[in-house]
């Protein structure tokens, strides 16, 4: 009789321990999932902000008179990640390893350089807006 009570207590302990382990594992998986989603959302927001900034710079250059000249430096990394900026005709793409953002822009020639000084110039020739071309 004493051996069965000890065996039953051992089985009950294993059952409770197993259930607690399952709940703890599910809890950590949910936390990790939410943290991962938060990072992805933050990366998306930072990439969108950079794309919006560059789009607004080019729209401003389009609206002002010929002779416009603007210098600014782009950071080497955004949100701790390296990124690329590509322009082609009427589109701008900001791309990190996980997130891509596209924007429509005025017709331009040239490309932005990350981690370096960039120059936007507007003159009377077509296309009117030049990036890092002098």
N, C-alpha and C. Protein backbone atom coordinates (compact mmCIF):
# COMPACT_ATOMS: atom_id res chain seq x y z
N UNK A 1 0.82 -1.19 0.00
CA UNK A 1 0.00 0.00 0.00
C UNK A 1 0.88 1.26 0.00
N UNK A 2 1.96 1.25 0.79
CA UNK A 2 2.84 2.42 0.86
C UNK A 2 3.54 2.62 -0.47
N UNK A 3 3.94 1.51 -1.14
CA UNK A 3 4.62 1.60 -2.42
C UNK A 3 3.71 2.19 -3.50
N UNK A 4 2.44 1.86 -3.51
CA UNK A 4 1.52 2.41 -4.50
C UNK A 4 1.28 3.89 -4.29
N UNK A 5 1.25 4.33 -3.02
CA UNK A 5 1.08 5.77 -2.77
C UNK A 5 2.31 6.54 -3.24
N UNK A 6 3.50 5.98 -3.00
CA UNK A 6 4.72 6.65 -3.48
C UNK A 6 4.76 6.66 -5.00
N UNK A 7 4.36 5.56 -5.61
CA UNK A 7 4.34 5.49 -7.07
C UNK A 7 3.32 6.48 -7.63
N UNK A 8 2.16 6.58 -6.99
CA UNK A 8 1.13 7.52 -7.44
C UNK A 8 1.63 8.95 -7.28
N UNK A 9 2.31 9.25 -6.18
CA UNK A 9 2.84 10.60 -5.97
C UNK A 9 3.90 10.92 -7.01
N UNK A 10 4.72 9.94 -7.36
CA UNK A 10 5.74 10.14 -8.39
C UNK A 10 5.10 10.41 -9.74
N UNK A 11 4.06 9.66 -10.08
CA UNK A 11 3.36 9.88 -11.34
C UNK A 11 2.67 11.24 -11.37
N UNK A 12 2.06 11.62 -10.26
CA UNK A 12 1.42 12.94 -10.19
C UNK A 12 2.44 14.05 -10.35
N UNK A 13 3.61 13.88 -9.73
CA UNK A 13 4.67 14.88 -9.87
C UNK A 13 5.10 14.99 -11.33
N UNK A 14 5.33 13.87 -11.99
CA UNK A 14 5.72 13.89 -13.41
C UNK A 14 4.64 14.53 -14.27
N UNK A 15 3.39 14.25 -13.99
CA UNK A 15 2.29 14.84 -14.75
C UNK A 15 2.26 16.36 -14.58
N UNK A 16 2.34 16.83 -13.35
CA UNK A 16 2.33 18.28 -13.08
C UNK A 16 3.56 18.94 -13.70
N UNK A 17 4.72 18.29 -13.54
CA UNK A 17 5.96 18.83 -14.11
C UNK A 17 5.86 18.91 -15.63
N UNK A 18 5.31 17.89 -16.27
CA UNK A 18 5.16 17.88 -17.73
C UNK A 18 4.22 18.99 -18.20
N UNK A 19 3.11 19.16 -17.50
CA UNK A 19 2.15 20.21 -17.87
C UNK A 19 2.79 21.59 -17.72
N UNK A 20 3.49 21.81 -16.62
CA UNK A 20 4.16 23.11 -16.41
C UNK A 20 5.24 23.35 -17.48
N UNK A 21 5.96 22.31 -17.84
CA UNK A 21 6.98 22.45 -18.88
C UNK A 21 6.34 22.82 -20.22
N UNK A 22 5.23 22.21 -20.54
CA UNK A 22 4.53 22.52 -21.79
C UNK A 22 4.05 23.97 -21.78
N UNK A 23 3.45 24.42 -20.68
CA UNK A 23 2.99 25.81 -20.60
C UNK A 23 4.16 26.79 -20.68
N UNK A 24 5.25 26.49 -19.99
CA UNK A 24 6.43 27.37 -20.03
C UNK A 24 6.99 27.45 -21.45
N UNK A 25 7.04 26.32 -22.14
CA UNK A 25 7.54 26.31 -23.52
C UNK A 25 6.64 27.14 -24.43
N UNK A 26 5.33 26.97 -24.30
CA UNK A 26 4.40 27.76 -25.11
C UNK A 26 4.53 29.24 -24.80
N UNK A 27 4.72 29.58 -23.54
CA UNK A 27 4.89 30.98 -23.14
C UNK A 27 6.13 31.59 -23.80
N UNK A 28 7.25 30.87 -23.76
CA UNK A 28 8.48 31.38 -24.37
C UNK A 28 8.37 31.47 -25.89
N UNK A 29 7.67 30.54 -26.50
CA UNK A 29 7.47 30.61 -27.95
C UNK A 29 6.65 31.84 -28.31
N UNK A 30 5.61 32.14 -27.54
CA UNK A 30 4.80 33.34 -27.81
C UNK A 30 5.62 34.61 -27.63
N UNK A 31 6.42 34.67 -26.59
CA UNK A 31 7.27 35.86 -26.37
C UNK A 31 8.24 36.02 -27.51
N UNK A 32 8.91 34.95 -27.92
CA UNK A 32 9.86 35.02 -29.02
C UNK A 32 9.17 35.45 -30.31
N UNK A 33 7.99 34.92 -30.57
CA UNK A 33 7.25 35.26 -31.78
C UNK A 33 6.89 36.75 -31.79
N UNK A 34 6.39 37.26 -30.66
CA UNK A 34 6.02 38.67 -30.58
C UNK A 34 7.24 39.57 -30.72
N UNK A 35 8.36 39.19 -30.13
CA UNK A 35 9.59 39.98 -30.24
C UNK A 35 10.07 40.00 -31.67
N UNK A 36 10.02 38.86 -32.33
CA UNK A 36 10.44 38.77 -33.73
C UNK A 36 9.55 39.64 -34.62
N UNK A 37 8.23 39.61 -34.39
CA UNK A 37 7.31 40.44 -35.16
C UNK A 37 7.57 41.91 -34.91
N UNK A 38 7.89 42.26 -33.65
CA UNK A 38 8.20 43.65 -33.32
C UNK A 38 9.44 44.14 -34.05
N UNK A 39 10.46 43.30 -34.13
CA UNK A 39 11.68 43.68 -34.85
C UNK A 39 11.39 43.88 -36.33
N UNK A 40 10.62 42.97 -36.92
CA UNK A 40 10.29 43.08 -38.33
C UNK A 40 9.48 44.35 -38.59
N UNK A 41 8.55 44.66 -37.70
CA UNK A 41 7.75 45.88 -37.85
C UNK A 41 8.64 47.11 -37.73
N UNK A 42 9.58 47.11 -36.79
CA UNK A 42 10.51 48.23 -36.63
C UNK A 42 11.39 48.38 -37.88
N UNK A 43 11.89 47.27 -38.41
CA UNK A 43 12.69 47.32 -39.64
C UNK A 43 11.88 47.90 -40.79
N UNK A 44 10.62 47.49 -40.88
CA UNK A 44 9.74 48.00 -41.94
C UNK A 44 9.55 49.51 -41.80
N UNK A 45 9.30 49.97 -40.58
CA UNK A 45 9.09 51.40 -40.34
C UNK A 45 10.33 52.21 -40.69
N UNK A 46 11.50 51.74 -40.29
CA UNK A 46 12.74 52.47 -40.55
C UNK A 46 13.03 52.51 -42.04
N UNK A 47 12.79 51.41 -42.73
CA UNK A 47 12.99 51.37 -44.19
C UNK A 47 12.00 52.29 -44.89
N UNK A 48 10.76 52.28 -44.45
CA UNK A 48 9.74 53.19 -45.01
C UNK A 48 10.14 54.65 -44.78
N UNK A 49 10.64 54.97 -43.59
CA UNK A 49 11.06 56.34 -43.29
C UNK A 49 12.18 56.79 -44.22
N UNK A 50 13.16 55.93 -44.47
CA UNK A 50 14.26 56.28 -45.37
C UNK A 50 13.74 56.48 -46.79
N UNK A 51 12.85 55.60 -47.24
CA UNK A 51 12.28 55.74 -48.59
C UNK A 51 11.48 57.04 -48.70
N UNK A 52 10.69 57.37 -47.67
CA UNK A 52 9.92 58.62 -47.69
C UNK A 52 10.84 59.83 -47.71
N UNK A 53 11.91 59.80 -46.91
CA UNK A 53 12.86 60.92 -46.88
C UNK A 53 13.45 61.16 -48.27
N UNK A 54 13.94 60.10 -48.90
CA UNK A 54 14.56 60.24 -50.22
C UNK A 54 13.54 60.67 -51.27
N UNK A 55 12.34 60.13 -51.19
CA UNK A 55 11.28 60.52 -52.12
C UNK A 55 10.99 62.02 -51.98
N UNK A 56 10.87 62.50 -50.75
CA UNK A 56 10.57 63.92 -50.52
C UNK A 56 11.71 64.82 -51.01
N UNK A 57 12.94 64.37 -50.84
CA UNK A 57 14.08 65.15 -51.36
C UNK A 57 13.99 65.30 -52.87
N UNK A 58 13.63 64.23 -53.56
CA UNK A 58 13.54 64.29 -55.02
C UNK A 58 12.32 65.07 -55.49
N UNK A 59 11.22 64.97 -54.78
CA UNK A 59 10.04 65.76 -55.13
C UNK A 59 10.32 67.25 -54.94
N UNK A 60 11.01 67.59 -53.86
CA UNK A 60 11.40 68.99 -53.63
C UNK A 60 12.28 69.48 -54.77
N UNK A 61 13.26 68.67 -55.17
CA UNK A 61 14.15 69.06 -56.27
C UNK A 61 13.38 69.28 -57.56
N UNK A 62 12.34 68.49 -57.78
CA UNK A 62 11.53 68.63 -58.99
C UNK A 62 10.76 69.96 -58.98
N UNK A 63 10.32 70.40 -57.80
CA UNK A 63 9.46 71.58 -57.71
C UNK A 63 10.21 72.91 -57.75
N UNK A 64 11.49 72.91 -57.39
CA UNK A 64 12.24 74.17 -57.34
C UNK A 64 12.81 74.49 -58.72
N UNK A 65 13.39 75.69 -58.82
CA UNK A 65 13.93 76.14 -60.10
C UNK A 65 15.25 75.46 -60.43
N UNK A 66 15.62 75.56 -61.70
CA UNK A 66 16.91 75.02 -62.12
C UNK A 66 18.03 75.66 -61.31
N UNK A 67 19.09 74.91 -61.10
CA UNK A 67 20.21 75.41 -60.31
C UNK A 67 20.16 74.89 -58.87
N UNK A 68 19.13 74.15 -58.52
CA UNK A 68 19.02 73.60 -57.17
C UNK A 68 20.18 72.64 -56.91
N UNK A 69 20.72 72.73 -55.71
CA UNK A 69 21.87 71.89 -55.33
C UNK A 69 21.71 71.54 -53.86
N UNK A 70 21.70 70.26 -53.53
CA UNK A 70 21.51 69.84 -52.14
C UNK A 70 22.49 68.73 -51.81
N UNK A 71 23.24 68.90 -50.71
CA UNK A 71 24.16 67.87 -50.21
C UNK A 71 23.62 67.32 -48.90
N UNK A 72 23.70 66.01 -48.73
CA UNK A 72 23.37 65.38 -47.45
C UNK A 72 24.04 64.02 -47.40
N UNK A 73 24.21 63.50 -46.21
CA UNK A 73 24.87 62.22 -46.02
C UNK A 73 23.85 61.18 -45.57
N UNK A 74 23.90 60.04 -46.20
CA UNK A 74 23.05 58.91 -45.81
C UNK A 74 23.83 58.04 -44.82
N UNK A 75 23.16 57.55 -43.79
CA UNK A 75 23.86 56.68 -42.84
C UNK A 75 24.30 55.37 -43.50
N UNK A 76 25.33 54.77 -42.93
CA UNK A 76 25.83 53.50 -43.46
C UNK A 76 24.84 52.37 -43.21
N UNK A 77 24.15 52.43 -42.06
CA UNK A 77 23.19 51.39 -41.69
C UNK A 77 21.92 52.05 -41.17
N UNK A 78 20.81 51.38 -41.36
CA UNK A 78 19.55 51.81 -40.74
C UNK A 78 19.07 50.67 -39.85
N UNK A 79 18.73 51.01 -38.65
CA UNK A 79 18.28 50.03 -37.65
C UNK A 79 19.29 48.90 -37.49
N UNK A 80 20.58 49.27 -37.61
CA UNK A 80 21.65 48.30 -37.43
C UNK A 80 21.88 47.37 -38.60
N UNK A 81 21.19 47.61 -39.72
CA UNK A 81 21.32 46.74 -40.88
C UNK A 81 21.83 47.53 -42.08
N UNK A 82 22.68 46.89 -42.88
CA UNK A 82 23.11 47.51 -44.12
C UNK A 82 21.93 47.57 -45.08
N UNK A 83 21.94 48.55 -45.95
CA UNK A 83 20.83 48.71 -46.88
C UNK A 83 21.33 49.24 -48.21
N UNK A 84 20.53 49.08 -49.24
CA UNK A 84 20.83 49.58 -50.57
C UNK A 84 19.71 50.51 -51.00
N UNK A 85 20.09 51.51 -51.79
CA UNK A 85 19.10 52.42 -52.37
C UNK A 85 19.32 52.38 -53.88
N UNK A 86 18.25 52.10 -54.61
CA UNK A 86 18.34 52.04 -56.07
C UNK A 86 17.27 52.94 -56.69
N UNK A 87 17.66 53.67 -57.71
CA UNK A 87 16.70 54.45 -58.47
C UNK A 87 16.73 53.95 -59.91
N UNK A 88 15.58 53.94 -60.52
CA UNK A 88 15.49 53.53 -61.91
C UNK A 88 14.30 54.24 -62.51
N UNK A 89 14.58 55.21 -63.38
CA UNK A 89 13.49 55.94 -64.02
C UNK A 89 12.63 56.66 -63.01
N UNK A 90 11.44 56.15 -62.79
CA UNK A 90 10.47 56.78 -61.90
C UNK A 90 10.28 56.02 -60.59
N UNK A 91 11.21 55.14 -60.24
CA UNK A 91 11.03 54.38 -59.00
C UNK A 91 12.28 54.42 -58.13
N UNK A 92 12.02 54.33 -56.82
CA UNK A 92 13.07 54.31 -55.80
C UNK A 92 12.82 53.07 -54.94
N UNK A 93 13.88 52.32 -54.66
CA UNK A 93 13.77 51.13 -53.82
C UNK A 93 14.80 51.21 -52.71
N UNK A 94 14.34 51.06 -51.48
CA UNK A 94 15.23 50.94 -50.32
C UNK A 94 15.10 49.50 -49.85
N UNK A 95 16.24 48.81 -49.76
CA UNK A 95 16.23 47.38 -49.52
C UNK A 95 17.20 47.01 -48.40
N UNK A 96 16.70 46.29 -47.36
CA UNK A 96 17.56 45.68 -46.36
C UNK A 96 17.50 44.18 -46.59
N UNK A 97 18.16 43.42 -45.73
CA UNK A 97 18.16 41.97 -45.92
C UNK A 97 16.77 41.36 -45.74
N UNK A 98 15.89 42.04 -45.00
CA UNK A 98 14.57 41.48 -44.73
C UNK A 98 13.40 42.29 -45.27
N UNK A 99 13.62 43.57 -45.54
CA UNK A 99 12.51 44.46 -45.88
C UNK A 99 12.85 45.27 -47.13
N UNK A 100 11.85 45.49 -47.97
CA UNK A 100 12.01 46.32 -49.17
C UNK A 100 10.88 47.34 -49.20
N UNK A 101 11.23 48.58 -49.59
CA UNK A 101 10.23 49.63 -49.70
C UNK A 101 10.39 50.31 -51.06
N UNK A 102 9.29 50.46 -51.77
CA UNK A 102 9.29 51.08 -53.10
C UNK A 102 8.54 52.40 -53.06
N UNK A 103 9.01 53.38 -53.82
CA UNK A 103 8.36 54.68 -53.93
C UNK A 103 8.43 55.17 -55.37
N UNK A 104 7.40 55.91 -55.75
CA UNK A 104 7.43 56.59 -57.03
C UNK A 104 8.15 57.92 -56.86
N UNK A 105 8.99 58.27 -57.83
CA UNK A 105 9.78 59.51 -57.76
C UNK A 105 9.76 60.20 -59.12
N UNK A 106 10.16 61.47 -59.14
CA UNK A 106 10.34 62.12 -60.44
C UNK A 106 11.47 61.43 -61.21
N UNK A 107 11.47 61.58 -62.50
CA UNK A 107 12.52 60.96 -63.31
C UNK A 107 13.89 61.51 -62.90
N UNK A 108 14.81 60.58 -62.62
CA UNK A 108 16.15 60.97 -62.16
C UNK A 108 17.22 60.20 -62.92
N UNK A 109 18.46 60.67 -62.77
CA UNK A 109 19.62 59.94 -63.27
C UNK A 109 20.62 59.83 -62.13
N UNK A 110 21.21 58.67 -61.97
CA UNK A 110 22.18 58.45 -60.91
C UNK A 110 21.58 57.66 -59.77
N UNK A 111 22.41 57.39 -58.76
CA UNK A 111 21.98 56.61 -57.60
C UNK A 111 22.53 57.20 -56.32
N UNK A 112 21.84 56.93 -55.23
CA UNK A 112 22.30 57.33 -53.91
C UNK A 112 23.38 56.37 -53.44
N UNK A 113 24.27 56.87 -52.60
CA UNK A 113 25.34 56.06 -52.03
C UNK A 113 25.18 56.07 -50.52
N UNK A 114 25.03 54.89 -49.92
CA UNK A 114 24.87 54.81 -48.47
C UNK A 114 26.22 55.02 -47.79
N UNK A 115 26.18 55.65 -46.62
CA UNK A 115 27.39 55.90 -45.85
C UNK A 115 28.29 56.95 -46.46
N UNK A 116 27.73 57.78 -47.30
CA UNK A 116 28.53 58.78 -48.01
C UNK A 116 27.69 60.03 -48.26
N UNK A 117 28.39 61.09 -48.67
CA UNK A 117 27.69 62.33 -49.03
C UNK A 117 27.04 62.15 -50.39
N UNK A 118 25.82 62.62 -50.50
CA UNK A 118 25.07 62.55 -51.75
C UNK A 118 24.72 63.96 -52.20
N UNK A 119 24.68 64.15 -53.50
CA UNK A 119 24.39 65.46 -54.07
C UNK A 119 23.22 65.32 -55.04
N UNK A 120 22.21 66.17 -54.85
CA UNK A 120 21.09 66.25 -55.79
C UNK A 120 21.21 67.59 -56.51
N UNK A 121 21.20 67.54 -57.82
CA UNK A 121 21.31 68.76 -58.64
C UNK A 121 20.17 68.77 -59.64
N UNK A 122 19.57 69.95 -59.80
CA UNK A 122 18.55 70.11 -60.84
C UNK A 122 19.04 71.14 -61.83
N UNK A 123 19.01 70.76 -63.10
CA UNK A 123 19.32 71.72 -64.15
C UNK A 123 18.34 71.54 -65.29
N UNK A 124 18.51 72.29 -66.36
CA UNK A 124 17.52 72.33 -67.43
C UNK A 124 17.55 71.15 -68.39
N UNK A 125 18.54 70.26 -68.29
CA UNK A 125 18.59 69.14 -69.22
C UNK A 125 17.70 68.00 -68.73
N UNK A 126 17.37 67.09 -69.62
CA UNK A 126 16.51 65.96 -69.23
C UNK A 126 17.36 64.76 -68.91
N UNK A 127 17.08 63.99 -67.89
CA UNK A 127 16.14 64.32 -66.83
C UNK A 127 16.65 65.49 -66.02
N UNK A 128 15.77 66.23 -65.42
CA UNK A 128 16.13 67.44 -64.71
C UNK A 128 16.92 67.18 -63.42
N UNK A 129 16.74 66.01 -62.81
CA UNK A 129 17.31 65.76 -61.48
C UNK A 129 18.43 64.72 -61.60
N UNK A 130 19.59 65.11 -61.09
CA UNK A 130 20.75 64.23 -61.11
C UNK A 130 21.19 63.92 -59.68
N UNK A 131 21.49 62.64 -59.42
CA UNK A 131 21.95 62.22 -58.11
C UNK A 131 23.40 61.78 -58.23
N UNK A 132 24.29 62.47 -57.55
CA UNK A 132 25.72 62.15 -57.53
C UNK A 132 26.36 62.17 -58.91
N UNK A 133 25.82 62.93 -59.84
CA UNK A 133 26.43 63.14 -61.14
C UNK A 133 26.74 64.61 -61.26
N UNK A 134 27.97 64.92 -61.60
CA UNK A 134 28.34 66.35 -61.68
C UNK A 134 28.86 66.71 -63.04
